[in-house]
Each structure stands twice: as structure tokens, then as C-alpha cells.
Amino acid sequence: IAYNLPTAADVKLEVYNVLGAKIATLVDLKQTAGSYKVNWNAMDDF
């Protein structure tokens, strides 16, 4: 999953199932402006 931030921001990137339950948190932090890439390996938070 790739994304760009035009300015610094608190970023949260989470994965949910079709029932709306959170499966995994991939990003939860303040990031500076720039381009980012996050890999998800189909694993839950556990």
C-alpha cells in the first residue's frame, strides 16, 4: 500500500474484514511529508 503525504500528519492505516472488525494496524504514528510504502502480509495483529 503506497501513499503520499503533502504535509506532516498523524497517520493511521488499518485493515478491516467485511464485517467491519479491525484485523490489523499497519501504521499509527506521526509522519513527515513524503512518499511511503507499507507491506501487508495477510496476518492479523496477533
All heavy atoms as atom14 arrays in JSON, in Angstrom:
{
  "sequence": "IAYNLPTAADVKLEVYNVLGAKIATLVDLKQTAGSYKVNWNAMDDF",
  "atom14_mask": [
    [1, 1, 1, 1, 1, 1, 1, 1, 0, 0, 0, 0, 0, 0],
    [1, 1, 1, 1, 1, 0, 0, 0, 0, 0, 0, 0, 0, 0],
    [1, 1, 1, 1, 1, 1, 1, 1, 1, 1, 1, 1, 0, 0],
    [1, 1, 1, 1, 1, 1, 1, 1, 0, 0, 0, 0, 0, 0],
    [1, 1, 1, 1, 1, 1, 1, 1, 0, 0, 0, 0, 0, 0],
    [1, 1, 1, 1, 1, 1, 1, 0, 0, 0, 0, 0, 0, 0],
    [1, 1, 1, 1, 1, 1, 1, 0, 0, 0, 0, 0, 0, 0],
    [1, 1, 1, 1, 1, 0, 0, 0, 0, 0, 0, 0, 0, 0],
    [1, 1, 1, 1, 1, 0, 0, 0, 0, 0, 0, 0, 0, 0],
    [1, 1, 1, 1, 1, 1, 1, 1, 0, 0, 0, 0, 0, 0],
    [1, 1, 1, 1, 1, 1, 1, 0, 0, 0, 0, 0, 0, 0],
    [1, 1, 1, 1, 1, 1, 1, 1, 1, 0, 0, 0, 0, 0],
    [1, 1, 1, 1, 1, 1, 1, 1, 0, 0, 0, 0, 0, 0],
    [1, 1, 1, 1, 1, 1, 1, 1, 1, 0, 0, 0, 0, 0],
    [1, 1, 1, 1, 1, 1, 1, 0, 0, 0, 0, 0, 0, 0],
    [1, 1, 1, 1, 1, 1, 1, 1, 1, 1, 1, 1, 0, 0],
    [1, 1, 1, 1, 1, 1, 1, 1, 0, 0, 0, 0, 0, 0],
    [1, 1, 1, 1, 1, 1, 1, 0, 0, 0, 0, 0, 0, 0],
    [1, 1, 1, 1, 1, 1, 1, 1, 0, 0, 0, 0, 0, 0],
    [1, 1, 1, 1, 0, 0, 0, 0, 0, 0, 0, 0, 0, 0],
    [1, 1, 1, 1, 1, 0, 0, 0, 0, 0, 0, 0, 0, 0],
    [1, 1, 1, 1, 1, 1, 1, 1, 1, 0, 0, 0, 0, 0],
    [1, 1, 1, 1, 1, 1, 1, 1, 0, 0, 0, 0, 0, 0],
    [1, 1, 1, 1, 1, 0, 0, 0, 0, 0, 0, 0, 0, 0],
    [1, 1, 1, 1, 1, 1, 1, 0, 0, 0, 0, 0, 0, 0],
    [1, 1, 1, 1, 1, 1, 1, 1, 0, 0, 0, 0, 0, 0],
    [1, 1, 1, 1, 1, 1, 1, 0, 0, 0, 0, 0, 0, 0],
    [1, 1, 1, 1, 1, 1, 1, 1, 0, 0, 0, 0, 0, 0],
    [1, 1, 1, 1, 1, 1, 1, 1, 0, 0, 0, 0, 0, 0],
    [1, 1, 1, 1, 1, 1, 1, 1, 1, 0, 0, 0, 0, 0],
    [1, 1, 1, 1, 1, 1, 1, 1, 1, 0, 0, 0, 0, 0],
    [1, 1, 1, 1, 1, 1, 1, 0, 0, 0, 0, 0, 0, 0],
    [1, 1, 1, 1, 1, 0, 0, 0, 0, 0, 0, 0, 0, 0],
    [1, 1, 1, 1, 0, 0, 0, 0, 0, 0, 0, 0, 0, 0],
    [1, 1, 1, 1, 1, 1, 0, 0, 0, 0, 0, 0, 0, 0],
    [1, 1, 1, 1, 1, 1, 1, 1, 1, 1, 1, 1, 0, 0],
    [1, 1, 1, 1, 1, 1, 1, 1, 1, 0, 0, 0, 0, 0],
    [1, 1, 1, 1, 1, 1, 1, 0, 0, 0, 0, 0, 0, 0],
    [1, 1, 1, 1, 1, 1, 1, 1, 0, 0, 0, 0, 0, 0],
    [1, 1, 1, 1, 1, 1, 1, 1, 1, 1, 1, 1, 1, 1],
    [1, 1, 1, 1, 1, 1, 1, 1, 0, 0, 0, 0, 0, 0],
    [1, 1, 1, 1, 1, 0, 0, 0, 0, 0, 0, 0, 0, 0],
    [1, 1, 1, 1, 1, 1, 1, 1, 0, 0, 0, 0, 0, 0],
    [1, 1, 1, 1, 1, 1, 1, 1, 0, 0, 0, 0, 0, 0],
    [1, 1, 1, 1, 1, 1, 1, 1, 0, 0, 0, 0, 0, 0],
    [1, 1, 1, 1, 1, 1, 1, 1, 1, 1, 1, 0, 0, 0]
  ],
  "atom14_positions": [
    [[0.87, -1.18, 0.0], [0.0, 0.0, 0.0], [0.9, 1.23, 0.0], [1.73, 1.39, 0.89], [-0.92, 0.0, 1.24], [-1.79, -1.25, 1.24], [-1.77, 1.27, 1.27], [-2.51, -1.5, 2.55], [0.0, 0.0, 0.0], [0.0, 0.0, 0.0], [0.0, 0.0, 0.0], [0.0, 0.0, 0.0], [0.0, 0.0, 0.0], [0.0, 0.0, 0.0]],
    [[0.77, 2.05, -1.03], [1.59, 3.26, -1.16], [0.73, 4.48, -0.94], [-0.45, 4.52, -1.32], [2.23, 3.3, -2.54], [0.0, 0.0, 0.0], [0.0, 0.0, 0.0], [0.0, 0.0, 0.0], [0.0, 0.0, 0.0], [0.0, 0.0, 0.0], [0.0, 0.0, 0.0], [0.0, 0.0, 0.0], [0.0, 0.0, 0.0], [0.0, 0.0, 0.0]],
    [[1.3, 5.5, -0.3], [0.58, 6.75, -0.09], [1.57, 7.9, 0.01], [2.76, 7.71, 0.28], [-0.32, 6.69, 1.15], [0.39, 6.38, 2.45], [0.82, 7.4, 3.29], [0.64, 5.07, 2.82], [1.47, 7.12, 4.48], [1.28, 4.77, 4.01], [1.69, 5.8, 4.83], [2.34, 5.52, 6.01], [0.0, 0.0, 0.0], [0.0, 0.0, 0.0]],
    [[1.07, 9.1, -0.26], [1.87, 10.33, -0.21], [1.26, 11.29, 0.79], [0.05, 11.45, 0.85], [1.91, 11.02, -1.58], [2.58, 10.17, -2.62], [3.67, 9.68, -2.41], [1.91, 9.98, -3.75], [0.0, 0.0, 0.0], [0.0, 0.0, 0.0], [0.0, 0.0, 0.0], [0.0, 0.0, 0.0], [0.0, 0.0, 0.0], [0.0, 0.0, 0.0]],
    [[2.11, 11.95, 1.54], [1.68, 12.98, 2.47], [2.21, 14.33, 2.01], [3.43, 14.51, 1.91], [2.21, 12.7, 3.88], [1.72, 11.43, 4.57], [2.43, 11.26, 5.91], [0.23, 11.47, 4.76], [0.0, 0.0, 0.0], [0.0, 0.0, 0.0], [0.0, 0.0, 0.0], [0.0, 0.0, 0.0], [0.0, 0.0, 0.0], [0.0, 0.0, 0.0]],
    [[1.33, 15.29, 1.71], [1.81, 16.61, 1.29], [2.41, 17.4, 2.46], [3.27, 18.25, 2.25], [0.57, 17.29, 0.73], [-0.58, 16.58, 1.35], [-0.11, 15.17, 1.63], [0.0, 0.0, 0.0], [0.0, 0.0, 0.0], [0.0, 0.0, 0.0], [0.0, 0.0, 0.0], [0.0, 0.0, 0.0], [0.0, 0.0, 0.0], [0.0, 0.0, 0.0]],
    [[1.94, 17.11, 3.66], [2.45, 17.76, 4.87], [2.52, 16.72, 5.99], [1.93, 15.65, 5.88], [1.53, 18.91, 5.34], [0.24, 18.38, 5.63], [1.41, 20.0, 4.28], [0.0, 0.0, 0.0], [0.0, 0.0, 0.0], [0.0, 0.0, 0.0], [0.0, 0.0, 0.0], [0.0, 0.0, 0.0], [0.0, 0.0, 0.0], [0.0, 0.0, 0.0]],
    [[3.23, 17.03, 7.05], [3.32, 16.13, 8.18], [1.93, 15.91, 8.77], [1.11, 16.82, 8.8], [4.25, 16.7, 9.24], [0.0, 0.0, 0.0], [0.0, 0.0, 0.0], [0.0, 0.0, 0.0], [0.0, 0.0, 0.0], [0.0, 0.0, 0.0], [0.0, 0.0, 0.0], [0.0, 0.0, 0.0], [0.0, 0.0, 0.0], [0.0, 0.0, 0.0]],
    [[1.67, 14.67, 9.22], [0.35, 14.35, 9.76], [0.43, 13.1, 10.62], [1.34, 12.29, 10.48], [-0.65, 14.13, 8.64], [0.0, 0.0, 0.0], [0.0, 0.0, 0.0], [0.0, 0.0, 0.0], [0.0, 0.0, 0.0], [0.0, 0.0, 0.0], [0.0, 0.0, 0.0], [0.0, 0.0, 0.0], [0.0, 0.0, 0.0], [0.0, 0.0, 0.0]],
    [[-0.55, 12.98, 11.52], [-0.75, 11.72, 12.24], [-1.42, 10.76, 11.26], [-2.47, 11.08, 10.71], [-1.63, 11.93, 13.46], [-0.94, 12.73, 14.54], [0.27, 12.52, 14.75], [-1.6, 13.58, 15.17], [0.0, 0.0, 0.0], [0.0, 0.0, 0.0], [0.0, 0.0, 0.0], [0.0, 0.0, 0.0], [0.0, 0.0, 0.0], [0.0, 0.0, 0.0]],
    [[-0.8, 9.61, 11.04], [-1.29, 8.65, 10.05], [-1.74, 7.38, 10.75], [-1.04, 6.86, 11.62], [-0.2, 8.33, 9.01], [-0.69, 7.29, 8.01], [0.26, 9.58, 8.29], [0.0, 0.0, 0.0], [0.0, 0.0, 0.0], [0.0, 0.0, 0.0], [0.0, 0.0, 0.0], [0.0, 0.0, 0.0], [0.0, 0.0, 0.0], [0.0, 0.0, 0.0]],
    [[-2.9, 6.9, 10.34], [-3.4, 5.61, 10.82], [-3.83, 4.82, 9.6], [-4.61, 5.31, 8.78], [-4.56, 5.78, 11.78], [-5.0, 4.47, 12.42], [-6.06, 4.69, 13.46], [-5.39, 5.13, 14.74], [-6.29, 5.05, 15.91], [0.0, 0.0, 0.0], [0.0, 0.0, 0.0], [0.0, 0.0, 0.0], [0.0, 0.0, 0.0], [0.0, 0.0, 0.0]],
    [[-3.29, 3.6, 9.47], [-3.63, 2.71, 8.35], [-4.01, 1.37, 8.96], [-3.19, 0.71, 9.6], [-2.43, 2.57, 7.41], [-2.58, 1.63, 6.23], [-3.76, 2.0, 5.36], [-1.3, 1.63, 5.41], [0.0, 0.0, 0.0], [0.0, 0.0, 0.0], [0.0, 0.0, 0.0], [0.0, 0.0, 0.0], [0.0, 0.0, 0.0], [0.0, 0.0, 0.0]],
    [[-5.29, 1.0, 8.79], [-5.81, -0.21, 9.41], [-6.52, -1.07, 8.37], [-7.05, -0.55, 7.38], [-6.79, 0.13, 10.53], [-6.14, 0.91, 11.66], [-7.12, 1.4, 12.69], [-8.21, 1.84, 12.32], [-6.77, 1.34, 13.88], [0.0, 0.0, 0.0], [0.0, 0.0, 0.0], [0.0, 0.0, 0.0], [0.0, 0.0, 0.0], [0.0, 0.0, 0.0]],
    [[-6.54, -2.38, 8.63], [-7.21, -3.34, 7.75], [-8.42, -3.91, 8.49], [-8.33, -4.26, 9.67], [-6.25, -4.48, 7.35], [-6.96, -5.48, 6.44], [-5.01, -3.92, 6.66], [0.0, 0.0, 0.0], [0.0, 0.0, 0.0], [0.0, 0.0, 0.0], [0.0, 0.0, 0.0], [0.0, 0.0, 0.0], [0.0, 0.0, 0.0], [0.0, 0.0, 0.0]],
    [[-9.56, -3.99, 7.78], [-10.81, -4.47, 8.34], [-11.36, -5.62, 7.5], [-11.13, -5.67, 6.28], [-11.86, -3.35, 8.35], [-11.49, -2.2, 9.23], [-10.69, -1.16, 8.77], [-11.94, -2.14, 10.55], [-10.34, -0.11, 9.58], [-11.6, -1.08, 11.37], [-10.81, -0.07, 10.88], [-10.45, 0.98, 11.7], [0.0, 0.0, 0.0], [0.0, 0.0, 0.0]],
    [[-12.11, -6.53, 8.14], [-12.8, -7.57, 7.38], [-14.14, -7.04, 6.89], [-14.51, -5.89, 7.18], [-12.93, -8.87, 8.19], [-13.84, -8.73, 9.4], [-14.63, -7.8, 9.52], [-13.72, -9.67, 10.31], [0.0, 0.0, 0.0], [0.0, 0.0, 0.0], [0.0, 0.0, 0.0], [0.0, 0.0, 0.0], [0.0, 0.0, 0.0], [0.0, 0.0, 0.0]],
    [[-14.9, -7.87, 6.17], [-16.17, -7.41, 5.59], [-17.23, -7.12, 6.66], [-18.2, -6.42, 6.38], [-16.73, -8.4, 4.56], [-15.85, -8.47, 3.34], [-16.94, -9.77, 5.16], [0.0, 0.0, 0.0], [0.0, 0.0, 0.0], [0.0, 0.0, 0.0], [0.0, 0.0, 0.0], [0.0, 0.0, 0.0], [0.0, 0.0, 0.0], [0.0, 0.0, 0.0]],
    [[-17.04, -7.63, 7.87], [-17.97, -7.34, 8.96], [-17.63, -6.04, 9.69], [-18.35, -5.62, 10.59], [-17.98, -8.5, 9.97], [-18.41, -9.85, 9.4], [-18.28, -10.93, 10.45], [-19.83, -9.78, 8.87], [0.0, 0.0, 0.0], [0.0, 0.0, 0.0], [0.0, 0.0, 0.0], [0.0, 0.0, 0.0], [0.0, 0.0, 0.0], [0.0, 0.0, 0.0]],
    [[-16.5, -5.43, 9.31], [-16.1, -4.17, 9.92], [-15.2, -4.31, 11.12], [-14.87, -3.32, 11.77], [0.0, 0.0, 0.0], [0.0, 0.0, 0.0], [0.0, 0.0, 0.0], [0.0, 0.0, 0.0], [0.0, 0.0, 0.0], [0.0, 0.0, 0.0], [0.0, 0.0, 0.0], [0.0, 0.0, 0.0], [0.0, 0.0, 0.0], [0.0, 0.0, 0.0]],
    [[-14.78, -5.55, 11.43], [-13.87, -5.78, 12.55], [-12.44, -5.46, 12.13], [-12.01, -5.85, 11.05], [-13.96, -7.22, 13.03], [0.0, 0.0, 0.0], [0.0, 0.0, 0.0], [0.0, 0.0, 0.0], [0.0, 0.0, 0.0], [0.0, 0.0, 0.0], [0.0, 0.0, 0.0], [0.0, 0.0, 0.0], [0.0, 0.0, 0.0], [0.0, 0.0, 0.0]],
    [[-11.72, -4.74, 12.99], [-10.33, -4.41, 12.68], [-9.48, -5.68, 12.76], [-9.53, -6.41, 13.74], [-9.79, -3.36, 13.65], [-8.38, -2.91, 13.29], [-7.89, -1.82, 14.19], [-7.61, -2.41, 15.55], [-6.72, -1.61, 16.38], [0.0, 0.0, 0.0], [0.0, 0.0, 0.0], [0.0, 0.0, 0.0], [0.0, 0.0, 0.0], [0.0, 0.0, 0.0]],
    [[-8.71, -5.92, 11.72], [-7.86, -7.1, 11.62], [-6.41, -6.76, 11.95], [-5.73, -7.5, 12.66], [-7.92, -7.7, 10.19], [-9.34, -8.09, 9.84], [-6.97, -8.87, 10.03], [-9.95, -9.13, 10.75], [0.0, 0.0, 0.0], [0.0, 0.0, 0.0], [0.0, 0.0, 0.0], [0.0, 0.0, 0.0], [0.0, 0.0, 0.0], [0.0, 0.0, 0.0]],
    [[-5.93, -5.65, 11.42], [-4.52, -5.29, 11.61], [-4.34, -3.78, 11.56], [-5.03, -3.08, 10.82], [-3.66, -5.94, 10.52], [0.0, 0.0, 0.0], [0.0, 0.0, 0.0], [0.0, 0.0, 0.0], [0.0, 0.0, 0.0], [0.0, 0.0, 0.0], [0.0, 0.0, 0.0], [0.0, 0.0, 0.0], [0.0, 0.0, 0.0], [0.0, 0.0, 0.0]],
    [[-3.4, -3.29, 12.36], [-2.96, -1.9, 12.3], [-1.58, -1.9, 11.67], [-0.65, -2.49, 12.2], [-2.92, -1.28, 13.7], [-4.22, -1.34, 14.28], [-2.46, 0.17, 13.64], [0.0, 0.0, 0.0], [0.0, 0.0, 0.0], [0.0, 0.0, 0.0], [0.0, 0.0, 0.0], [0.0, 0.0, 0.0], [0.0, 0.0, 0.0], [0.0, 0.0, 0.0]],
    [[-1.45, -1.26, 10.52], [-0.19, -1.24, 9.79], [0.64, 0.01, 10.11], [1.86, -0.04, 10.11], [-0.43, -1.34, 8.29], [-1.27, -2.54, 7.84], [-1.46, -2.52, 6.33], [-0.65, -3.85, 8.29], [0.0, 0.0, 0.0], [0.0, 0.0, 0.0], [0.0, 0.0, 0.0], [0.0, 0.0, 0.0], [0.0, 0.0, 0.0], [0.0, 0.0, 0.0]],
    [[-0.03, 1.14, 10.34], [0.65, 2.39, 10.67], [-0.2, 3.13, 11.7], [-1.42, 3.19, 11.57], [0.83, 3.3, 9.42], [1.47, 4.62, 9.78], [1.61, 2.6, 8.33], [0.0, 0.0, 0.0], [0.0, 0.0, 0.0], [0.0, 0.0, 0.0], [0.0, 0.0, 0.0], [0.0, 0.0, 0.0], [0.0, 0.0, 0.0], [0.0, 0.0, 0.0]],
    [[0.47, 3.67, 12.71], [-0.21, 4.51, 13.7], [0.83, 5.42, 14.33], [1.3, 5.19, 15.44], [-0.91, 3.65, 14.76], [-1.79, 4.49, 15.7], [-1.96, 5.7, 15.44], [-2.3, 3.92, 16.69], [0.0, 0.0, 0.0], [0.0, 0.0, 0.0], [0.0, 0.0, 0.0], [0.0, 0.0, 0.0], [0.0, 0.0, 0.0], [0.0, 0.0, 0.0]],
    [[1.21, 6.46, 13.58], [2.25, 7.38, 14.06], [2.25, 8.66, 13.26], [1.61, 8.76, 12.22], [3.63, 6.71, 14.0], [4.08, 6.07, 12.68], [4.81, 7.05, 11.8], [4.98, 4.9, 12.99], [0.0, 0.0, 0.0], [0.0, 0.0, 0.0], [0.0, 0.0, 0.0], [0.0, 0.0, 0.0], [0.0, 0.0, 0.0], [0.0, 0.0, 0.0]],
    [[2.98, 9.65, 13.77], [3.14, 10.92, 13.05], [4.24, 10.73, 12.02], [5.31, 10.2, 12.33], [3.49, 12.03, 14.02], [3.53, 13.4, 13.35], [3.61, 14.5, 14.38], [3.54, 15.86, 13.74], [2.19, 16.24, 13.35], [0.0, 0.0, 0.0], [0.0, 0.0, 0.0], [0.0, 0.0, 0.0], [0.0, 0.0, 0.0], [0.0, 0.0, 0.0]],
    [[3.96, 11.15, 10.78], [4.93, 11.03, 9.7], [5.13, 12.39, 9.04], [4.21, 13.2, 8.97], [4.48, 10.0, 8.67], [4.45, 8.59, 9.22], [4.03, 7.57, 8.19], [3.02, 7.75, 7.51], [4.79, 6.5, 8.08], [0.0, 0.0, 0.0], [0.0, 0.0, 0.0], [0.0, 0.0, 0.0], [0.0, 0.0, 0.0], [0.0, 0.0, 0.0]],
    [[6.35, 12.6, 8.53], [6.66, 13.83, 7.81], [6.14, 13.73, 6.38], [5.76, 12.65, 5.92], [8.18, 14.06, 7.79], [8.82, 12.95, 7.17], [8.72, 14.24, 9.2], [0.0, 0.0, 0.0], [0.0, 0.0, 0.0], [0.0, 0.0, 0.0], [0.0, 0.0, 0.0], [0.0, 0.0, 0.0], [0.0, 0.0, 0.0], [0.0, 0.0, 0.0]],
    [[6.12, 14.85, 5.68], [5.69, 14.86, 4.28], [6.58, 13.94, 3.47], [7.78, 13.82, 3.73], [5.75, 16.28, 3.73], [0.0, 0.0, 0.0], [0.0, 0.0, 0.0], [0.0, 0.0, 0.0], [0.0, 0.0, 0.0], [0.0, 0.0, 0.0], [0.0, 0.0, 0.0], [0.0, 0.0, 0.0], [0.0, 0.0, 0.0], [0.0, 0.0, 0.0]],
    [[5.98, 13.25, 2.5], [6.77, 12.37, 1.64], [5.95, 11.19, 1.16], [4.74, 11.09, 1.39], [0.0, 0.0, 0.0], [0.0, 0.0, 0.0], [0.0, 0.0, 0.0], [0.0, 0.0, 0.0], [0.0, 0.0, 0.0], [0.0, 0.0, 0.0], [0.0, 0.0, 0.0], [0.0, 0.0, 0.0], [0.0, 0.0, 0.0], [0.0, 0.0, 0.0]],
    [[6.64, 10.27, 0.48], [6.02, 9.06, -0.06], [6.35, 7.88, 0.83], [7.48, 7.75, 1.3], [6.54, 8.78, -1.47], [6.19, 9.83, -2.33], [0.0, 0.0, 0.0], [0.0, 0.0, 0.0], [0.0, 0.0, 0.0], [0.0, 0.0, 0.0], [0.0, 0.0, 0.0], [0.0, 0.0, 0.0], [0.0, 0.0, 0.0], [0.0, 0.0, 0.0]],
    [[5.36, 7.02, 1.05], [5.52, 5.86, 1.93], [4.95, 4.61, 1.28], [4.02, 4.7, 0.47], [4.8, 6.11, 3.27], [5.4, 7.25, 4.05], [4.96, 8.55, 3.87], [6.43, 7.01, 4.96], [5.52, 9.59, 4.58], [7.0, 8.05, 5.67], [6.53, 9.34, 5.47], [7.1, 10.37, 6.18], [0.0, 0.0, 0.0], [0.0, 0.0, 0.0]],
    [[5.5, 3.47, 1.67], [5.01, 2.17, 1.21], [4.96, 1.25, 2.42], [5.9, 1.2, 3.22], [5.94, 1.57, 0.16], [6.01, 2.35, -1.12], [6.98, 1.72, -2.08], [7.09, 2.56, -3.34], [8.08, 2.03, -4.28], [0.0, 0.0, 0.0], [0.0, 0.0, 0.0], [0.0, 0.0, 0.0], [0.0, 0.0, 0.0], [0.0, 0.0, 0.0]],
    [[3.85, 0.53, 2.55], [3.66, -0.4, 3.65], [3.25, -1.74, 3.06], [2.36, -1.8, 2.2], [2.55, 0.09, 4.61], [2.31, -0.91, 5.72], [2.91, 1.44, 5.18], [0.0, 0.0, 0.0], [0.0, 0.0, 0.0], [0.0, 0.0, 0.0], [0.0, 0.0, 0.0], [0.0, 0.0, 0.0], [0.0, 0.0, 0.0], [0.0, 0.0, 0.0]],
    [[3.9, -2.82, 3.5], [3.52, -4.16, 3.06], [2.6, -4.79, 4.09], [2.83, -4.68, 5.29], [4.76, -5.04, 2.88], [5.52, -4.69, 1.63], [4.94, -4.58, 0.56], [6.81, -4.51, 1.76], [0.0, 0.0, 0.0], [0.0, 0.0, 0.0], [0.0, 0.0, 0.0], [0.0, 0.0, 0.0], [0.0, 0.0, 0.0], [0.0, 0.0, 0.0]],
    [[1.56, -5.46, 3.59], [0.71, -6.27, 4.45], [0.84, -7.72, 4.02], [0.65, -8.05, 2.85], [-0.75, -5.82, 4.4], [-1.62, -6.61, 5.36], [-1.33, -6.9, 6.65], [-2.88, -7.19, 5.09], [-2.35, -7.63, 7.21], [-3.33, -7.82, 6.27], [-3.7, -7.24, 3.97], [-4.53, -8.5, 6.35], [-4.92, -7.9, 4.06], [-5.32, -8.52, 5.24]],
    [[1.18, -8.58, 4.97], [1.45, -9.98, 4.68], [0.26, -10.89, 5.0], [0.45, -12.09, 5.22], [2.68, -10.44, 5.45], [2.51, -10.29, 6.95], [1.48, -9.82, 7.42], [3.52, -10.66, 7.71], [0.0, 0.0, 0.0], [0.0, 0.0, 0.0], [0.0, 0.0, 0.0], [0.0, 0.0, 0.0], [0.0, 0.0, 0.0], [0.0, 0.0, 0.0]],
    [[-0.94, -10.35, 5.03], [-2.17, -11.11, 5.29], [-2.16, -11.77, 6.67], [-2.69, -12.85, 6.86], [-2.42, -12.14, 4.19], [0.0, 0.0, 0.0], [0.0, 0.0, 0.0], [0.0, 0.0, 0.0], [0.0, 0.0, 0.0], [0.0, 0.0, 0.0], [0.0, 0.0, 0.0], [0.0, 0.0, 0.0], [0.0, 0.0, 0.0], [0.0, 0.0, 0.0]],
    [[-1.55, -11.08, 7.63], [-1.56, -11.54, 9.02], [-2.34, -10.52, 9.86], [-2.32, -9.33, 9.57], [-0.14, -11.64, 9.58], [0.74, -12.62, 8.87], [0.37, -14.28, 9.4], [1.79, -15.13, 8.8], [0.0, 0.0, 0.0], [0.0, 0.0, 0.0], [0.0, 0.0, 0.0], [0.0, 0.0, 0.0], [0.0, 0.0, 0.0], [0.0, 0.0, 0.0]],
    [[-2.99, -11.03, 10.92], [-3.69, -10.11, 11.81], [-2.72, -9.54, 12.84], [-1.51, -9.83, 12.8], [-4.9, -10.78, 12.46], [-4.55, -11.89, 13.44], [-3.37, -12.04, 13.83], [-5.48, -12.62, 13.84], [0.0, 0.0, 0.0], [0.0, 0.0, 0.0], [0.0, 0.0, 0.0], [0.0, 0.0, 0.0], [0.0, 0.0, 0.0], [0.0, 0.0, 0.0]],
    [[-3.22, -8.74, 13.76], [-2.37, -8.11, 14.78], [-1.71, -9.11, 15.72], [-0.78, -8.78, 16.43], [-3.18, -7.09, 15.6], [-3.31, -5.74, 14.91], [-2.5, -5.43, 14.02], [-4.24, -4.99, 15.27], [0.0, 0.0, 0.0], [0.0, 0.0, 0.0], [0.0, 0.0, 0.0], [0.0, 0.0, 0.0], [0.0, 0.0, 0.0], [0.0, 0.0, 0.0]],
    [[-2.2, -10.35, 15.74], [-1.65, -11.38, 16.62], [-0.71, -12.33, 15.88], [-0.3, -13.35, 16.43], [-2.79, -12.16, 17.28], [-3.71, -11.29, 18.07], [-4.94, -10.91, 17.56], [-3.33, -10.8, 19.32], [-5.79, -10.07, 18.28], [-4.18, -9.96, 20.05], [-5.4, -9.61, 19.52], [0.0, 0.0, 0.0], [0.0, 0.0, 0.0], [0.0, 0.0, 0.0]]
  ]
}
